[in-house]
Amino acid sequence: MSLADKPLPTVLVVDDAPANLSLLAGLLQADHRVKLAASGAKALELVRRARPDLVLLDIMMPEMDGYEVCQRLKADPATRAIPVLFLTAMTQTEDEARGFQVGAADFIQKPINPIVLQARVRTHLQVKAYEDELRDRNAWLQTELAQRLEQVDLLREATLHVMISFAEFRDEATGHHVRRTQEYVRTLAQWLFDQGRHLDVLNPEAIDHIARSAPLHDIGKVATPDHILLKPGRHTPEEQAIMRQHAMQGWEMLRRASDRMAGDAHYLRHAMDIARWHHEKWDGSGYPEGLAGEQIPLSARLMAVADVYDALISARPYKPPMPHDQALKILRDGAGAHFDPGVVEALEACLPQFVQIAQTWRDH
């Protein structure tokens, strides 16, 4: 748009004296679109219809004075940015102080000096134009940032999906195990958060990160030899030792990925904790490090319950599925030994949701 095509800025003049309105309109109309209001109420009505770029406002008016009009304009987010210049014959310091307190941008003394009036109006319109441009620029940047962050999120999701799919492809017997355990973990974490527990760890963002990380709990199995990973029967002690290496191998894979993510490394923190420690036991008899109690990260304790529960209720080449109530009894009996008692309590409270998740993502 050329300067010639650019619309004139709109100035609203508010004064209860018709002579003053006529004078000000004559001084401004050559370079501005001028609107006139003979009262505070009329001024607010005109502003609601179409916001002006600047308001010239008399202070001493009947019914609603200029101070109140200015306060109302500044109280409304839609009109707060409009500069208000008071027109006044009042010259006391306290009068100016009150004007600035209610949000005025400047004062123009009566009787009006045309040169001063036009210079002040021009200056404040320029300032407002710069502020509007800056605000629009910031809004554009916020939109751009939101789009870039969305792209980063999509890339993260795609990367996690590839990693999870690779792990599933290597262990076809697990079916929808990773999706079910993801939703179990989310349900357990949400229940604990709703009960006001573990608030040093849990918040909506952390719950989402933990749930997204849960499918990576067995990512280390991609390094397990096929003849061991896909063996239909029970493992020998030597094979079991090799199988157990997947916890540290998964952690190492995710650690390397985390190192490459630099400032975004926190995104994989829960995934690393889950992969490394979801086979630890509450009493310290688990692996790979024999951690006990709250030494085990909460995300890994959630995963332990979700993982075992799903293994119990799911069919495997070497066993049929177990009923939900029977699986719950095993977990309840293991509370305080294998499992965090608080997480088992959460499972008991959420059993209807668990049954629904298992039904929704059942293996065919």
Protein backbone atom coordinates (compact mmCIF):
# COMPACT_ATOMS: atom_id res chain seq x y z
CA MET A 1 0.00 0.00 0.00
CA SER A 2 1.41 3.41 -0.98
CA LEU A 3 1.38 6.39 1.34
CA ALA A 4 -1.32 7.94 -0.82
CA ASP A 5 -3.54 4.89 -0.32
CA LYS A 6 -2.93 4.62 3.42
CA PRO A 7 -6.10 5.54 5.37
CA LEU A 8 -6.03 8.65 7.55
CA PRO A 9 -5.71 7.99 11.28
CA THR A 10 -8.93 8.43 13.24
CA VAL A 11 -9.04 10.93 16.10
CA LEU A 12 -12.00 11.04 18.47
CA VAL A 13 -12.53 14.46 20.06
CA VAL A 14 -14.62 14.53 23.25
CA ASP A 15 -15.78 17.87 24.68
CA ASP A 16 -19.11 19.12 25.99
CA ALA A 17 -18.59 22.57 24.41
CA PRO A 18 -19.74 22.69 20.73
CA ALA A 19 -17.33 25.58 20.03
CA ASN A 20 -14.36 23.49 21.16
CA LEU A 21 -15.49 20.54 19.02
CA SER A 22 -15.75 22.79 15.99
CA LEU A 23 -12.34 24.35 16.66
CA LEU A 24 -10.57 21.01 17.09
CA ALA A 25 -12.24 19.49 14.04
CA GLY A 26 -11.06 22.39 11.96
CA LEU A 27 -7.49 22.05 13.19
CA LEU A 28 -7.27 18.29 12.59
CA GLN A 29 -9.50 17.38 9.66
CA ALA A 30 -6.89 18.03 6.96
CA ASP A 31 -4.67 15.14 8.10
CA HIS A 32 -7.05 13.05 10.19
CA ARG A 33 -10.45 11.43 10.12
CA VAL A 34 -12.17 13.27 12.97
CA LYS A 35 -15.08 11.97 15.05
CA LEU A 36 -16.86 14.16 17.61
CA ALA A 37 -18.59 13.33 20.88
CA ALA A 38 -20.25 15.86 23.21
CA SER A 39 -20.27 13.56 26.26
CA GLY A 40 -18.34 10.73 27.88
CA ALA A 41 -21.17 8.26 27.29
CA LYS A 42 -21.34 9.13 23.58
CA ALA A 43 -17.55 8.79 23.32
CA LEU A 44 -17.62 5.26 24.79
CA GLU A 45 -20.43 4.33 22.41
CA LEU A 46 -18.41 5.51 19.39
CA VAL A 47 -15.33 3.65 20.60
CA ARG A 48 -17.34 0.43 20.93
CA ARG A 49 -18.52 0.78 17.34
CA ALA A 50 -15.07 1.44 15.87
CA ARG A 51 -11.84 1.99 17.74
CA PRO A 52 -10.10 5.32 16.96
CA ASP A 53 -6.34 5.67 16.80
CA LEU A 54 -6.28 8.46 19.39
CA VAL A 55 -8.68 10.21 21.79
CA LEU A 56 -8.60 13.93 22.66
CA LEU A 57 -10.58 14.12 25.88
CA ASP A 58 -11.84 17.08 27.88
CA ILE A 59 -11.65 16.55 31.64
CA MET A 60 -14.41 18.81 32.96
CA MET A 61 -17.66 17.38 31.57
CA PRO A 62 -21.07 16.82 33.24
CA GLU A 63 -22.29 13.35 34.29
CA MET A 64 -19.10 11.50 33.29
CA ASP A 65 -15.84 13.43 33.45
CA GLY A 66 -12.72 12.72 31.42
CA TYR A 67 -11.01 10.80 34.20
CA GLU A 68 -13.82 8.22 34.28
CA VAL A 69 -13.92 7.93 30.49
CA CYS A 70 -10.17 7.31 30.43
CA GLN A 71 -10.41 4.73 33.23
CA ARG A 72 -13.07 2.81 31.32
CA LEU A 73 -11.01 2.83 28.13
CA LYS A 74 -7.92 1.58 29.96
CA ALA A 75 -9.88 -1.10 31.82
CA ASP A 76 -10.96 -2.73 28.56
CA PRO A 77 -8.22 -4.84 26.87
CA ALA A 78 -9.74 -3.98 23.49
CA THR A 79 -9.22 -0.21 23.98
CA ARG A 80 -6.33 -0.12 26.44
CA ALA A 81 -3.73 0.68 23.78
CA ILE A 82 -5.53 3.79 22.45
CA PRO A 83 -3.57 6.88 23.53
CA VAL A 84 -5.65 9.41 25.46
CA LEU A 85 -4.62 13.08 25.48
CA PHE A 86 -6.40 15.24 28.02
CA LEU A 87 -7.60 18.70 27.04
CA THR A 88 -7.79 20.84 30.13
CA ALA A 89 -7.56 24.29 31.61
CA MET A 90 -6.57 22.68 34.91
CA THR A 91 -2.90 23.34 35.61
CA GLN A 92 -2.40 21.98 39.12
CA THR A 93 0.24 19.27 39.56
CA GLU A 94 -2.24 16.98 41.30
CA ASP A 95 -4.60 17.23 38.31
CA GLU A 96 -1.86 16.01 35.98
CA ALA A 97 -0.85 13.30 38.43
CA ARG A 98 -4.42 11.98 38.57
CA GLY A 99 -4.60 12.02 34.78
CA PHE A 100 -1.47 9.93 34.43
CA GLN A 101 -2.75 7.56 37.14
CA VAL A 102 -5.88 6.79 35.11
CA GLY A 103 -3.80 6.16 31.98
CA ALA A 104 -3.46 9.43 30.06
CA ALA A 105 -0.58 9.67 27.60
CA ASP A 106 -0.28 13.47 27.64
CA PHE A 107 -1.93 16.80 28.46
CA ILE A 108 -2.73 19.71 26.15
CA GLN A 109 -3.51 22.96 27.90
CA LYS A 110 -6.46 25.19 27.06
CA PRO A 111 -6.67 27.58 25.36
CA ILE A 112 -5.48 25.39 22.51
CA ASN A 113 -2.29 26.29 20.67
CA PRO A 114 -2.79 24.86 17.15
CA ILE A 115 0.90 24.11 16.60
CA VAL A 116 1.23 22.35 19.97
CA LEU A 117 -1.98 20.39 19.38
CA GLN A 118 -0.95 19.17 15.94
CA ALA A 119 2.58 18.29 17.09
CA ARG A 120 1.37 16.32 20.13
CA VAL A 121 -1.25 14.45 18.11
CA ARG A 122 1.29 13.62 15.38
CA THR A 123 3.85 12.38 17.91
CA HIS A 124 1.44 10.11 19.77
CA LEU A 125 0.01 8.70 16.55
CA GLN A 126 3.54 7.86 15.42
CA VAL A 127 4.26 6.15 18.74
CA LYS A 128 1.02 4.18 18.48
CA ALA A 129 1.83 3.15 14.90
CA TYR A 130 5.22 1.83 16.06
CA GLU A 131 3.59 -0.01 18.96
CA ASP A 132 0.93 -1.50 16.68
CA GLU A 133 3.61 -2.64 14.26
CA LEU A 134 5.61 -4.17 17.11
CA ARG A 135 2.51 -5.89 18.48
CA ASP A 136 1.63 -7.28 15.05
CA ARG A 137 5.23 -8.42 14.60
CA ASN A 138 5.18 -10.15 17.97
CA ALA A 139 1.88 -11.85 17.14
CA TRP A 140 3.36 -13.07 13.86
CA LEU A 141 6.46 -14.34 15.66
CA GLN A 142 4.28 -16.13 18.21
CA THR A 143 2.37 -17.80 15.39
CA GLU A 144 5.61 -18.77 13.67
CA LEU A 145 7.01 -20.11 16.94
CA ALA A 146 3.88 -22.14 17.58
CA GLN A 147 4.10 -23.62 14.09
CA ARG A 148 7.79 -24.46 14.48
CA LEU A 149 7.15 -26.07 17.88
CA GLU A 150 4.33 -28.07 16.34
CA GLN A 151 6.75 -29.25 13.64
CA VAL A 152 9.28 -30.21 16.32
CA ASP A 153 6.56 -32.13 18.17
CA LEU A 154 5.59 -33.94 14.98
CA LEU A 155 9.23 -34.81 14.34
CA ARG A 156 9.55 -36.11 17.90
CA GLU A 157 6.42 -38.18 17.49
CA ALA A 158 7.63 -39.55 14.17
CA THR A 159 11.02 -40.43 15.66
CA LEU A 160 9.43 -42.16 18.65
CA HIS A 161 7.04 -43.97 16.33
CA VAL A 162 9.90 -45.32 14.26
CA MET A 163 11.80 -46.46 17.36
CA ILE A 164 8.70 -48.08 18.86
CA SER A 165 7.77 -49.75 15.57
CA PHE A 166 11.27 -51.15 15.27
CA ALA A 167 11.04 -52.64 18.76
CA GLU A 168 7.60 -54.11 18.00
CA PHE A 169 8.82 -55.57 14.72
CA ARG A 170 11.56 -57.39 16.59
CA ASP A 171 9.12 -58.87 19.10
CA GLU A 172 5.95 -59.77 17.22
CA ALA A 173 4.52 -61.74 20.15
CA THR A 174 3.73 -58.57 22.08
CA GLY A 175 0.93 -57.35 19.76
CA HIS A 176 -0.61 -54.15 21.13
CA HIS A 177 1.38 -54.45 24.36
CA VAL A 178 3.13 -51.10 23.96
CA ARG A 179 -0.12 -49.18 23.35
CA ARG A 180 -1.89 -50.81 26.27
CA THR A 181 0.98 -50.20 28.67
CA GLN A 182 1.21 -46.60 27.50
CA GLU A 183 -2.43 -46.01 28.41
CA TYR A 184 -2.08 -47.92 31.70
CA VAL A 185 0.86 -45.70 32.68
CA ARG A 186 -1.04 -42.55 31.74
CA THR A 187 -4.04 -43.70 33.80
CA LEU A 188 -1.94 -44.54 36.87
CA ALA A 189 -0.01 -41.25 36.73
CA GLN A 190 -3.19 -39.21 36.31
CA TRP A 191 -4.86 -40.91 39.29
CA LEU A 192 -1.85 -40.25 41.52
CA PHE A 193 -1.75 -36.61 40.36
CA ASP A 194 -5.48 -36.21 41.01
CA GLN A 195 -4.94 -37.55 44.53
CA GLY A 196 -2.24 -34.93 45.12
CA ARG A 197 0.59 -37.47 45.24
CA HIS A 198 4.10 -37.16 43.81
CA LEU A 199 3.49 -33.54 42.84
CA ASP A 200 7.25 -33.01 42.85
CA VAL A 201 7.31 -35.22 39.72
CA LEU A 202 3.81 -35.18 38.29
CA ASN A 203 2.10 -32.37 36.42
CA PRO A 204 0.11 -32.45 33.17
CA GLU A 205 3.21 -32.03 31.00
CA ALA A 206 5.20 -34.67 32.91
CA ILE A 207 2.29 -37.13 32.74
CA ASP A 208 2.17 -36.67 28.97
CA HIS A 209 5.95 -37.14 28.64
CA ILE A 210 5.90 -40.26 30.82
CA ALA A 211 3.03 -41.75 28.81
CA ARG A 212 4.74 -40.96 25.51
CA SER A 213 7.95 -42.52 26.82
CA ALA A 214 6.33 -45.73 28.07
CA PRO A 215 6.36 -47.53 24.68
CA LEU A 216 10.15 -47.29 24.68
CA HIS A 217 10.51 -49.40 27.84
CA ASP A 218 11.84 -52.41 25.92
CA ILE A 219 13.66 -50.55 23.13
CA GLY A 220 16.87 -52.28 24.24
CA LYS A 221 15.49 -55.58 22.97
CA VAL A 222 16.48 -54.55 19.45
CA ALA A 223 20.00 -55.55 20.52
CA THR A 224 18.90 -58.98 21.80
CA PRO A 225 19.75 -61.87 19.45
CA ASP A 226 16.74 -63.34 17.63
CA HIS A 227 17.29 -66.88 18.88
CA ILE A 228 16.89 -65.59 22.44
CA LEU A 229 14.31 -62.86 21.96
CA LEU A 230 11.99 -65.02 19.83
CA LYS A 231 12.48 -68.25 21.71
CA PRO A 232 8.99 -69.70 22.40
CA GLY A 233 9.95 -71.53 25.61
CA ARG A 234 11.66 -70.52 28.84
CA HIS A 235 15.20 -69.16 28.73
CA THR A 236 18.23 -70.83 30.21
CA PRO A 237 20.08 -68.89 32.95
CA GLU A 238 22.64 -67.79 30.35
CA GLU A 239 19.93 -66.66 27.95
CA GLN A 240 18.14 -64.90 30.80
CA ALA A 241 21.30 -62.96 31.60
CA ILE A 242 21.53 -61.83 27.98
CA MET A 243 17.83 -60.87 27.94
CA ARG A 244 18.34 -58.73 31.04
CA GLN A 245 20.95 -56.67 29.24
CA HIS A 246 18.15 -54.96 27.29
CA ALA A 247 17.50 -52.58 30.18
CA MET A 248 20.97 -51.00 30.07
CA GLN A 249 21.16 -51.31 26.29
CA GLY A 250 17.89 -49.40 25.94
CA TRP A 251 19.10 -46.71 28.34
CA GLU A 252 22.35 -46.36 26.41
CA MET A 253 20.53 -45.98 23.08
CA LEU A 254 18.29 -43.28 24.50
CA ARG A 255 21.21 -41.57 26.26
CA ARG A 256 23.04 -41.22 22.95
CA ALA A 257 19.91 -39.82 21.32
CA SER A 258 19.48 -37.45 24.26
CA ASP A 259 23.06 -36.20 23.95
CA ARG A 260 22.40 -35.26 20.34
CA MET A 261 19.24 -33.37 21.28
CA ALA A 262 21.24 -30.82 23.33
CA GLY A 263 18.76 -28.30 24.77
CA ASP A 264 15.86 -30.68 24.15
CA ALA A 265 17.48 -33.56 26.02
CA HIS A 266 14.92 -33.46 28.85
CA TYR A 267 12.37 -34.88 26.40
CA LEU A 268 13.92 -38.37 26.70
CA ARG A 269 14.65 -38.24 30.44
CA HIS A 270 11.56 -40.26 31.41
CA ALA A 271 12.16 -42.70 28.54
CA MET A 272 15.71 -43.30 29.80
CA ASP A 273 14.49 -43.86 33.37
CA ILE A 274 11.79 -46.27 32.25
CA ALA A 275 14.03 -48.28 29.92
CA ARG A 276 16.76 -48.67 32.55
CA TRP A 277 14.79 -49.28 35.72
CA HIS A 278 11.36 -50.73 34.95
CA HIS A 279 12.61 -54.18 36.01
CA GLU A 280 13.74 -52.94 39.42
CA LYS A 281 11.68 -54.14 42.41
CA TRP A 282 10.45 -52.24 45.44
CA ASP A 283 12.37 -54.54 47.80
CA GLY A 284 15.65 -54.15 45.88
CA SER A 285 15.71 -57.61 44.30
CA GLY A 286 15.28 -56.44 40.70
CA TYR A 287 17.76 -55.54 37.97
CA PRO A 288 19.98 -54.07 36.58
CA GLU A 289 21.13 -52.22 39.72
CA GLY A 290 19.06 -53.52 42.62
CA LEU A 291 17.49 -50.16 43.43
CA ALA A 292 14.84 -50.19 46.16
CA GLY A 293 11.79 -48.13 47.13
CA GLU A 294 11.82 -44.52 46.01
CA GLN A 295 15.36 -44.87 44.67
CA ILE A 296 13.53 -46.20 41.63
CA PRO A 297 12.19 -43.29 39.52
CA LEU A 298 8.40 -42.96 39.68
CA SER A 299 8.05 -43.40 35.91
CA ALA A 300 9.80 -46.79 36.14
CA ARG A 301 7.61 -47.85 39.09
CA LEU A 302 4.51 -47.00 37.06
CA MET A 303 5.89 -48.95 34.11
CA ALA A 304 6.65 -51.99 36.27
CA VAL A 305 3.02 -52.34 37.33
CA ALA A 306 1.66 -51.64 33.83
CA ASP A 307 4.13 -54.05 32.20
CA VAL A 308 3.50 -56.99 34.53
CA TYR A 309 -0.25 -56.47 34.55
CA ASP A 310 -0.37 -56.57 30.75
CA ALA A 311 1.93 -59.59 30.58
CA LEU A 312 -0.38 -61.47 32.96
CA ILE A 313 -3.63 -60.75 31.08
CA SER A 314 -2.13 -61.34 27.62
CA ALA A 315 -1.71 -64.60 25.76
CA ARG A 316 1.84 -65.70 25.00
CA PRO A 317 3.14 -68.73 23.11
CA TYR A 318 3.89 -70.36 26.46
CA LYS A 319 0.70 -69.39 28.40
CA PRO A 320 -2.98 -68.42 28.08
CA PRO A 321 -4.28 -64.98 29.18
CA MET A 322 -5.14 -64.53 32.86
CA PRO A 323 -8.44 -62.97 34.07
CA HIS A 324 -8.17 -59.35 35.26
CA ASP A 325 -9.15 -60.13 38.84
CA GLN A 326 -6.53 -62.87 39.11
CA ALA A 327 -3.87 -60.57 37.67
CA LEU A 328 -4.86 -57.89 40.18
CA LYS A 329 -4.47 -60.38 43.04
CA ILE A 330 -0.92 -61.20 41.94
CA LEU A 331 -0.05 -57.51 41.80
CA ARG A 332 -1.70 -56.90 45.16
CA ASP A 333 0.29 -59.75 46.69
CA GLY A 334 3.45 -58.24 45.21
CA ALA A 335 2.84 -54.76 46.65
CA GLY A 336 5.72 -53.84 48.94
CA ALA A 337 7.95 -56.55 47.47
CA HIS A 338 7.94 -56.34 43.68
CA PHE A 339 5.80 -53.23 43.29
CA ASP A 340 5.36 -49.76 44.77
CA PRO A 341 2.29 -50.17 47.05
CA GLY A 342 1.00 -46.73 46.06
CA VAL A 343 1.04 -47.61 42.37
CA VAL A 344 -0.77 -50.90 43.06
CA GLU A 345 -3.37 -48.88 44.98
CA ALA A 346 -3.76 -46.69 41.90
CA LEU A 347 -4.27 -49.80 39.76
CA GLU A 348 -7.00 -51.07 42.07
CA ALA A 349 -8.74 -47.69 41.89
CA CYS A 350 -8.45 -47.61 38.10
CA LEU A 351 -9.26 -51.24 37.30
CA PRO A 352 -12.41 -50.37 35.23
CA GLN A 353 -10.26 -48.11 33.03
CA PHE A 354 -7.64 -50.86 32.73
CA VAL A 355 -10.27 -53.36 31.61
CA GLN A 356 -11.52 -50.85 29.02
CA ILE A 357 -8.00 -50.20 27.72
CA ALA A 358 -7.33 -53.93 27.44
CA GLN A 359 -10.58 -54.38 25.52
CA THR A 360 -9.93 -51.44 23.20
CA TRP A 361 -6.40 -52.57 22.33
CA ARG A 362 -6.85 -56.32 22.57
CA ASP A 363 -4.71 -58.59 20.39
CA HIS A 364 -6.48 -60.41 17.57
